[in-house]
Amino acid sequence: MLHHSLSNARITLQLHRDPNVLFAGYKLPHPLQYKIIVRIHTTSQSSPTQAYTQAINDLDKELEYLKQAFEDEKNRYEDMMKQGF
């Protein structure tokens, strides 16, 4: 439950970064079913589908950056340990 709440909250936060998104929210109709309803309202310069796709792509890039930064730091730490620090 916590995982889906954090990830869906993160998606709505990412959607709100888009100046063409007027409203973004989600709800979980029933806690025992993994089904969410996402509601997105945009200006005429964008569509909800475009905004959602862009938000997912941006989050994917952020996660890839975090993954790479973590792996780089882990490798740096392992190298230091090999050298006896």
PDB file of N, CA and C in Angstrom:
ATOM      1  N   MET A   1       0.822  -1.199   0.000  1.00  0.00           N
ATOM      2  CA  MET A   1       0.000   0.000   0.000  1.00  0.00           C
ATOM      3  C   MET A   1       0.865   1.262   0.000  1.00  0.00           C
ATOM      4  N   LEU A   2       1.897   1.269   0.831  1.00  0.00           N
ATOM      5  CA  LEU A   2       2.756   2.435   0.910  1.00  0.00           C
ATOM      6  C   LEU A   2       3.460   2.682  -0.418  1.00  0.00           C
ATOM      7  N   HIS A   3       3.938   1.598  -1.052  1.00  0.00           N
ATOM      8  CA  HIS A   3       4.665   1.745  -2.319  1.00  0.00           C
ATOM      9  C   HIS A   3       3.791   2.435  -3.363  1.00  0.00           C
ATOM     10  N   HIS A   4       2.561   1.960  -3.531  1.00  0.00           N
ATOM     11  CA  HIS A   4       1.723   2.576  -4.566  1.00  0.00           C
ATOM     12  C   HIS A   4       1.382   4.006  -4.195  1.00  0.00           C
ATOM     13  N   SER A   5       1.212   4.297  -2.927  1.00  0.00           N
ATOM     14  CA  SER A   5       0.896   5.666  -2.508  1.00  0.00           C
ATOM     15  C   SER A   5       2.042   6.614  -2.833  1.00  0.00           C
ATOM     16  N   LEU A   6       3.269   6.187  -2.535  1.00  0.00           N
ATOM     17  CA  LEU A   6       4.420   7.035  -2.820  1.00  0.00           C
ATOM     18  C   LEU A   6       4.614   7.235  -4.313  1.00  0.00           C
ATOM     19  N   SER A   7       4.494   6.162  -5.075  1.00  0.00           N
ATOM     20  CA  SER A   7       4.727   6.301  -6.514  1.00  0.00           C
ATOM     21  C   SER A   7       3.630   7.125  -7.184  1.00  0.00           C
ATOM     22  N   ASN A   8       2.394   6.933  -6.797  1.00  0.00           N
ATOM     23  CA  ASN A   8       1.328   7.724  -7.402  1.00  0.00           C
ATOM     24  C   ASN A   8       1.382   9.176  -6.963  1.00  0.00           C
ATOM     25  N   ALA A   9       1.755   9.403  -5.715  1.00  0.00           N
ATOM     26  CA  ALA A   9       1.927  10.780  -5.258  1.00  0.00           C
ATOM     27  C   ALA A   9       3.053  11.444  -6.037  1.00  0.00           C
ATOM     28  N   ARG A  10       4.111  10.697  -6.315  1.00  0.00           N
ATOM     29  CA  ARG A  10       5.240  11.235  -7.072  1.00  0.00           C
ATOM     30  C   ARG A  10       4.828  11.578  -8.506  1.00  0.00           C
ATOM     31  N   ILE A  11       3.991  10.755  -9.097  1.00  0.00           N
ATOM     32  CA  ILE A  11       3.506  11.041 -10.449  1.00  0.00           C
ATOM     33  C   ILE A  11       2.694  12.328 -10.455  1.00  0.00           C
ATOM     34  N   THR A  12       1.801  12.494  -9.483  1.00  0.00           N
ATOM     35  CA  THR A  12       0.999  13.719  -9.464  1.00  0.00           C
ATOM     36  C   THR A  12       1.881  14.941  -9.202  1.00  0.00           C
ATOM     37  N   LEU A  13       2.893  14.810  -8.357  1.00  0.00           N
ATOM     38  CA  LEU A  13       3.813  15.931  -8.149  1.00  0.00           C
ATOM     39  C   LEU A  13       4.547  16.282  -9.434  1.00  0.00           C
ATOM     40  N   GLN A  14       4.964  15.265 -10.165  1.00  0.00           N
ATOM     41  CA  GLN A  14       5.652  15.504 -11.441  1.00  0.00           C
ATOM     42  C   GLN A  14       4.702  16.180 -12.432  1.00  0.00           C
ATOM     43  N   LEU A  15       3.459  15.748 -12.453  1.00  0.00           N
ATOM     44  CA  LEU A  15       2.477  16.374 -13.344  1.00  0.00           C
ATOM     45  C   LEU A  15       2.294  17.857 -13.005  1.00  0.00           C
ATOM     46  N   HIS A  16       2.321  18.187 -11.725  1.00  0.00           N
ATOM     47  CA  HIS A  16       2.139  19.585 -11.320  1.00  0.00           C
ATOM     48  C   HIS A  16       3.322  20.469 -11.700  1.00  0.00           C
ATOM     49  N   ARG A  17       4.455  19.881 -12.054  1.00  0.00           N
ATOM     50  CA  ARG A  17       5.594  20.669 -12.544  1.00  0.00           C
ATOM     51  C   ARG A  17       5.344  21.197 -13.950  1.00  0.00           C
ATOM     52  N   ASP A  18       4.442  20.571 -14.659  1.00  0.00           N
ATOM     53  CA  ASP A  18       4.117  20.966 -16.032  1.00  0.00           C
ATOM     54  C   ASP A  18       3.192  22.180 -15.998  1.00  0.00           C
ATOM     55  N   PRO A  19       3.604  23.301 -16.595  1.00  0.00           N
ATOM     56  CA  PRO A  19       2.759  24.500 -16.560  1.00  0.00           C
ATOM     57  C   PRO A  19       1.437  24.333 -17.312  1.00  0.00           C
ATOM     58  N   ASN A  20       1.337  23.326 -18.180  1.00  0.00           N
ATOM     59  CA  ASN A  20       0.091  23.086 -18.898  1.00  0.00           C
ATOM     60  C   ASN A  20      -0.900  22.233 -18.113  1.00  0.00           C
ATOM     61  N   VAL A  21      -0.487  21.713 -16.978  1.00  0.00           N
ATOM     62  CA  VAL A  21      -1.387  20.900 -16.150  1.00  0.00           C
ATOM     63  C   VAL A  21      -2.085  21.807 -15.147  1.00  0.00           C
ATOM     64  N   LEU A  22      -3.390  21.833 -15.234  1.00  0.00           N
ATOM     65  CA  LEU A  22      -4.193  22.642 -14.330  1.00  0.00           C
ATOM     66  C   LEU A  22      -4.575  21.870 -13.070  1.00  0.00           C
ATOM     67  N   PHE A  23      -4.785  20.571 -13.212  1.00  0.00           N
ATOM     68  CA  PHE A  23      -5.151  19.718 -12.083  1.00  0.00           C
ATOM     69  C   PHE A  23      -4.628  18.315 -12.341  1.00  0.00           C
ATOM     70  N   ALA A  24      -4.100  17.692 -11.299  1.00  0.00           N
ATOM     71  CA  ALA A  24      -3.676  16.296 -11.385  1.00  0.00           C
ATOM     72  C   ALA A  24      -3.934  15.652 -10.029  1.00  0.00           C
ATOM     73  N   GLY A  25      -4.599  14.528 -10.051  1.00  0.00           N
ATOM     74  CA  GLY A  25      -4.868  13.808  -8.819  1.00  0.00           C
ATOM     75  C   GLY A  25      -5.159  12.358  -9.129  1.00  0.00           C
ATOM     76  N   TYR A  26      -5.214  11.571  -8.071  1.00  0.00           N
ATOM     77  CA  TYR A  26      -5.538  10.158  -8.249  1.00  0.00           C
ATOM     78  C   TYR A  26      -6.323   9.681  -7.047  1.00  0.00           C
ATOM     79  N   LYS A  27      -7.026   8.587  -7.232  1.00  0.00           N
ATOM     80  CA  LYS A  27      -7.690   7.959  -6.098  1.00  0.00           C
ATOM     81  C   LYS A  27      -7.639   6.453  -6.268  1.00  0.00           C
ATOM     82  N   LEU A  28      -7.699   5.799  -5.159  1.00  0.00           N
ATOM     83  CA  LEU A  28      -7.700   4.345  -5.104  1.00  0.00           C
ATOM     84  C   LEU A  28      -9.113   3.937  -4.698  1.00  0.00           C
ATOM     85  N   PRO A  29      -9.902   3.417  -5.653  1.00  0.00           N
ATOM     86  CA  PRO A  29     -11.295   3.109  -5.346  1.00  0.00           C
ATOM     87  C   PRO A  29     -11.479   2.085  -4.227  1.00  0.00           C
ATOM     88  N   HIS A  30     -10.611   1.086  -4.161  1.00  0.00           N
ATOM     89  CA  HIS A  30     -10.729   0.056  -3.134  1.00  0.00           C
ATOM     90  C   HIS A  30      -9.328  -0.384  -2.725  1.00  0.00           C
ATOM     91  N   PRO A  31      -9.034  -0.437  -1.421  1.00  0.00           N
ATOM     92  CA  PRO A  31      -7.669  -0.755  -0.983  1.00  0.00           C
ATOM     93  C   PRO A  31      -7.203  -2.179  -1.292  1.00  0.00           C
ATOM     94  N   LEU A  32      -8.106  -3.087  -1.578  1.00  0.00           N
ATOM     95  CA  LEU A  32      -7.709  -4.457  -1.877  1.00  0.00           C
ATOM     96  C   LEU A  32      -7.495  -4.709  -3.368  1.00  0.00           C
ATOM     97  N   GLN A  33      -7.776  -3.723  -4.180  1.00  0.00           N
ATOM     98  CA  GLN A  33      -7.559  -3.854  -5.619  1.00  0.00           C
ATOM     99  C   GLN A  33      -6.500  -2.852  -6.045  1.00  0.00           C
ATOM    100  N   TYR A  34      -5.532  -3.320  -6.822  1.00  0.00           N
ATOM    101  CA  TYR A  34      -4.530  -2.385  -7.317  1.00  0.00           C
ATOM    102  C   TYR A  34      -5.062  -1.750  -8.605  1.00  0.00           C
ATOM    103  N   LYS A  35      -5.909  -0.797  -8.397  1.00  0.00           N
ATOM    104  CA  LYS A  35      -6.491  -0.037  -9.498  1.00  0.00           C
ATOM    105  C   LYS A  35      -6.538   1.411  -9.033  1.00  0.00           C
ATOM    106  N   ILE A  36      -5.997   2.292  -9.845  1.00  0.00           N
ATOM    107  CA  ILE A  36      -6.049   3.707  -9.516  1.00  0.00           C
ATOM    108  C   ILE A  36      -6.770   4.445 -10.631  1.00  0.00           C
ATOM    109  N   ILE A  37      -7.336   5.551 -10.264  1.00  0.00           N
ATOM    110  CA  ILE A  37      -7.962   6.433 -11.240  1.00  0.00           C
ATOM    111  C   ILE A  37      -7.184   7.746 -11.202  1.00  0.00           C
ATOM    112  N   VAL A  38      -6.602   8.105 -12.340  1.00  0.00           N
ATOM    113  CA  VAL A  38      -5.824   9.332 -12.458  1.00  0.00           C
ATOM    114  C   VAL A  38      -6.668  10.342 -13.206  1.00  0.00           C
ATOM    115  N   ARG A  39      -6.707  11.546 -12.675  1.00  0.00           N
ATOM    116  CA  ARG A  39      -7.461  12.610 -13.324  1.00  0.00           C
ATOM    117  C   ARG A  39      -6.511  13.767 -13.618  1.00  0.00           C
ATOM    118  N   ILE A  40      -6.483  14.170 -14.878  1.00  0.00           N
ATOM    119  CA  ILE A  40      -5.579  15.233 -15.310  1.00  0.00           C
ATOM    120  C   ILE A  40      -6.362  16.222 -16.172  1.00  0.00           C
ATOM    121  N   HIS A  41      -6.258  17.485 -15.809  1.00  0.00           N
ATOM    122  CA  HIS A  41      -6.834  18.550 -16.640  1.00  0.00           C
ATOM    123  C   HIS A  41      -5.683  19.422 -17.119  1.00  0.00           C
ATOM    124  N   THR A  42      -5.693  19.721 -18.414  1.00  0.00           N
ATOM    125  CA  THR A  42      -4.614  20.516 -18.999  1.00  0.00           C
ATOM    126  C   THR A  42      -5.176  21.720 -19.743  1.00  0.00           C
ATOM    127  N   THR A  43      -4.258  22.620 -20.072  1.00  0.00           N
ATOM    128  CA  THR A  43      -4.625  23.747 -20.926  1.00  0.00           C
ATOM    129  C   THR A  43      -4.809  23.231 -22.354  1.00  0.00           C
ATOM    130  N   SER A  44      -5.202  24.097 -23.233  1.00  0.00           N
ATOM    131  CA  SER A  44      -5.394  23.688 -24.625  1.00  0.00           C
ATOM    132  C   SER A  44      -4.070  23.421 -25.334  1.00  0.00           C
ATOM    133  N   GLN A  45      -2.937  23.812 -24.728  1.00  0.00           N
ATOM    134  CA  GLN A  45      -1.633  23.580 -25.334  1.00  0.00           C
ATOM    135  C   GLN A  45      -1.148  22.138 -25.170  1.00  0.00           C
ATOM    136  N   SER A  46      -1.839  21.349 -24.384  1.00  0.00           N
ATOM    137  CA  SER A  46      -1.412  19.982 -24.114  1.00  0.00           C
ATOM    138  C   SER A  46      -2.646  19.112 -23.948  1.00  0.00           C
ATOM    139  N   SER A  47      -2.418  17.821 -23.856  1.00  0.00           N
ATOM    140  CA  SER A  47      -3.507  16.894 -23.565  1.00  0.00           C
ATOM    141  C   SER A  47      -3.130  16.112 -22.307  1.00  0.00           C
ATOM    142  N   PRO A  48      -4.107  15.547 -21.623  1.00  0.00           N
ATOM    143  CA  PRO A  48      -3.780  14.725 -20.452  1.00  0.00           C
ATOM    144  C   PRO A  48      -2.829  13.580 -20.785  1.00  0.00           C
ATOM    145  N   THR A  49      -3.006  12.974 -21.941  1.00  0.00           N
ATOM    146  CA  THR A  49      -2.122  11.870 -22.338  1.00  0.00           C
ATOM    147  C   THR A  49      -0.695  12.363 -22.536  1.00  0.00           C
ATOM    148  N   GLN A  50      -0.527  13.504 -23.194  1.00  0.00           N
ATOM    149  CA  GLN A  50       0.809  14.068 -23.393  1.00  0.00           C
ATOM    150  C   GLN A  50       1.459  14.410 -22.056  1.00  0.00           C
ATOM    151  N   ALA A  51       0.699  15.023 -21.163  1.00  0.00           N
ATOM    152  CA  ALA A  51       1.234  15.410 -19.858  1.00  0.00           C
ATOM    153  C   ALA A  51       1.639  14.184 -19.048  1.00  0.00           C
ATOM    154  N   TYR A  52       0.808  13.146 -19.068  1.00  0.00           N
ATOM    155  CA  TYR A  52       1.102  11.921 -18.318  1.00  0.00           C
ATOM    156  C   TYR A  52       2.351  11.243 -18.876  1.00  0.00           C
ATOM    157  N   THR A  53       2.431  11.147 -20.186  1.00  0.00           N
ATOM    158  CA  THR A  53       3.589  10.521 -20.825  1.00  0.00           C
ATOM    159  C   THR A  53       4.867  11.283 -20.499  1.00  0.00           C
ATOM    160  N   GLN A  54       4.812  12.604 -20.556  1.00  0.00           N
ATOM    161  CA  GLN A  54       5.985  13.422 -20.250  1.00  0.00           C
ATOM    162  C   GLN A  54       6.384  13.255 -18.784  1.00  0.00           C
ATOM    163  N   ALA A  55       5.413  13.220 -17.891  1.00  0.00           N
ATOM    164  CA  ALA A  55       5.707  13.044 -16.461  1.00  0.00           C
ATOM    165  C   ALA A  55       6.390  11.701 -16.209  1.00  0.00           C
ATOM    166  N   ILE A  56       5.896  10.649 -16.837  1.00  0.00           N
ATOM    167  CA  ILE A  56       6.498   9.321 -16.674  1.00  0.00           C
ATOM    168  C   ILE A  56       7.916   9.315 -17.227  1.00  0.00           C
ATOM    169  N   ASN A  57       8.119   9.918 -18.396  1.00  0.00           N
ATOM    170  CA  ASN A  57       9.459   9.984 -18.988  1.00  0.00           C
ATOM    171  C   ASN A  57      10.424  10.776 -18.103  1.00  0.00           C
ATOM    172  N   ASP A  58       9.956  11.899 -17.557  1.00  0.00           N
ATOM    173  CA  ASP A  58      10.803  12.704 -16.677  1.00  0.00           C
ATOM    174  C   ASP A  58      11.166  11.936 -15.410  1.00  0.00           C
ATOM    175  N   LEU A  59      10.203  11.226 -14.832  1.00  0.00           N
ATOM    176  CA  LEU A  59      10.482  10.420 -13.641  1.00  0.00           C
ATOM    177  C   LEU A  59      11.470   9.308 -13.955  1.00  0.00           C
ATOM    178  N   ASP A  60      11.325   8.709 -15.114  1.00  0.00           N
ATOM    179  CA  ASP A  60      12.247   7.649 -15.522  1.00  0.00           C
ATOM    180  C   ASP A  60      13.672   8.188 -15.611  1.00  0.00           C
ATOM    181  N   LYS A  61      13.837   9.396 -16.161  1.00  0.00           N
ATOM    182  CA  LYS A  61      15.160  10.016 -16.251  1.00  0.00           C
ATOM    183  C   LYS A  61      15.721  10.321 -14.861  1.00  0.00           C
ATOM    184  N   GLU A  62      14.874  10.814 -13.969  1.00  0.00           N
ATOM    185  CA  GLU A  62      15.315  11.107 -12.607  1.00  0.00           C
ATOM    186  C   GLU A  62      15.762   9.835 -11.892  1.00  0.00           C
ATOM    187  N   LEU A  63      14.990   8.777 -12.047  1.00  0.00           N
ATOM    188  CA  LEU A  63      15.346   7.520 -11.398  1.00  0.00           C
ATOM    189  C   LEU A  63      16.637   6.936 -11.975  1.00  0.00           C
ATOM    190  N   GLU A  64      16.819   7.057 -13.266  1.00  0.00           N
ATOM    191  CA  GLU A  64      18.049   6.579 -13.888  1.00  0.00           C
ATOM    192  C   GLU A  64      19.245   7.368 -13.368  1.00  0.00           C
ATOM    193  N   TYR A  65      19.076   8.684 -13.213  1.00  0.00           N
ATOM    194  CA  TYR A  65      20.141   9.519 -12.663  1.00  0.00           C
ATOM    195  C   TYR A  65      20.475   9.098 -11.232  1.00  0.00           C
ATOM    196  N   LEU A  66      19.452   8.890 -10.416  1.00  0.00           N
ATOM    197  CA  LEU A  66      19.672   8.459  -9.031  1.00  0.00           C
ATOM    198  C   LEU A  66      20.343   7.096  -8.959  1.00  0.00           C
ATOM    199  N   LYS A  67      19.927   6.198  -9.821  1.00  0.00           N
ATOM    200  CA  LYS A  67      20.529   4.868  -9.866  1.00  0.00           C
ATOM    201  C   LYS A  67      22.015   4.963 -10.221  1.00  0.00           C
ATOM    202  N   GLN A  68      22.333   5.765 -11.213  1.00  0.00           N
ATOM    203  CA  GLN A  68      23.721   5.912 -11.634  1.00  0.00           C
ATOM    204  C   GLN A  68      24.549   6.573 -10.536  1.00  0.00           C
ATOM    205  N   ALA A  69      24.000   7.608  -9.890  1.00  0.00           N
ATOM    206  CA  ALA A  69      24.722   8.276  -8.804  1.00  0.00           C
ATOM    207  C   ALA A  69      24.979   7.312  -7.655  1.00  0.00           C
ATOM    208  N   PHE A  70      24.001   6.481  -7.333  1.00  0.00           N
ATOM    209  CA  PHE A  70      24.176   5.491  -6.279  1.00  0.00           C
ATOM    210  C   PHE A  70      25.258   4.480  -6.648  1.00  0.00           C
ATOM    211  N   GLU A  71      25.201   3.960  -7.863  1.00  0.00           N
ATOM    212  CA  GLU A  71      26.183   2.973  -8.302  1.00  0.00           C
ATOM    213  C   GLU A  71      27.593   3.566  -8.331  1.00  0.00           C
ATOM    214  N   ASP A  72      27.713   4.826  -8.767  1.00  0.00           N
ATOM    215  CA  ASP A  72      29.025   5.478  -8.782  1.00  0.00           C
ATOM    216  C   ASP A  72      29.580   5.604  -7.373  1.00  0.00           C
ATOM    217  N   GLU A  73      28.753   6.017  -6.444  1.00  0.00           N
ATOM    218  CA  GLU A  73      29.193   6.179  -5.061  1.00  0.00           C
ATOM    219  C   GLU A  73      29.524   4.833  -4.424  1.00  0.00           C
ATOM    220  N   LYS A  74      28.741   3.812  -4.720  1.00  0.00           N
ATOM    221  CA  LYS A  74      29.009   2.471  -4.205  1.00  0.00           C
ATOM    222  C   LYS A  74      30.355   1.966  -4.722  1.00  0.00           C
ATOM    223  N   ASN A  75      30.611   2.163  -6.005  1.00  0.00           N
ATOM    224  CA  ASN A  75      31.885   1.746  -6.597  1.00  0.00           C
ATOM    225  C   ASN A  75      33.058   2.510  -5.985  1.00  0.00           C
ATOM    226  N   ARG A  76      32.858   3.797  -5.757  1.00  0.00           N
ATOM    227  CA  ARG A  76      33.908   4.609  -5.128  1.00  0.00           C
ATOM    228  C   ARG A  76      34.203   4.090  -3.720  1.00  0.00           C
ATOM    229  N   TYR A  77      33.167   3.769  -2.976  1.00  0.00           N
ATOM    230  CA  TYR A  77      33.326   3.235  -1.622  1.00  0.00           C
ATOM    231  C   TYR A  77      34.046   1.883  -1.651  1.00  0.00           C
ATOM    232  N   GLU A  78      33.635   1.010  -2.561  1.00  0.00           N
ATOM    233  CA  GLU A  78      34.274  -0.307  -2.671  1.00  0.00           C
ATOM    234  C   GLU A  78      35.756  -0.169  -3.038  1.00  0.00           C
ATOM    235  N   ASP A  79      36.071   0.763  -3.918  1.00  0.00           N
ATOM    236  CA  ASP A  79      37.470   1.003  -4.288  1.00  0.00           C
ATOM    237  C   ASP A  79      38.269   1.485  -3.084  1.00  0.00           C
ATOM    238  N   MET A  80      37.676   2.358  -2.281  1.00  0.00           N
ATOM    239  CA  MET A  80      38.351   2.855  -1.074  1.00  0.00           C
ATOM    240  C   MET A  80      38.602   1.712  -0.092  1.00  0.00           C
ATOM    241  N   MET A  81      37.651   0.809   0.051  1.00  0.00           N
ATOM    242  CA  MET A  81      37.788  -0.311   0.982  1.00  0.00           C
ATOM    243  C   MET A  81      38.894  -1.266   0.517  1.00  0.00           C
ATOM    244  N   LYS A  82      39.001  -1.424  -0.801  1.00  0.00           N
ATOM    245  CA  LYS A  82      40.059  -2.280  -1.348  1.00  0.00           C
ATOM    246  C   LYS A  82      41.450  -1.697  -1.071  1.00  0.00           C
ATOM    247  N   GLN A  83      41.509  -0.380  -0.997  1.00  0.00           N
ATOM    248  CA  GLN A  83      42.777   0.286  -0.760  1.00  0.00           C
ATOM    249  C   GLN A  83      43.107   0.383   0.727  1.00  0.00           C
ATOM    250  N   GLY A  84      42.191  -0.085   1.561  1.00  0.00           N
ATOM    251  CA  GLY A  84      42.457  -0.114   2.989  1.00  0.00           C
ATOM    252  C   GLY A  84      42.041   1.120   3.757  1.00  0.00           C
ATOM    253  N   PHE A  85      41.155   1.902   3.259  1.00  0.00           N
ATOM    254  CA  PHE A  85      40.690   3.089   3.981  1.00  0.00           C
ATOM    255  C   PHE A  85      39.655   2.729   4.994  1.00  0.00           C
TER     256      PHE A  85
END
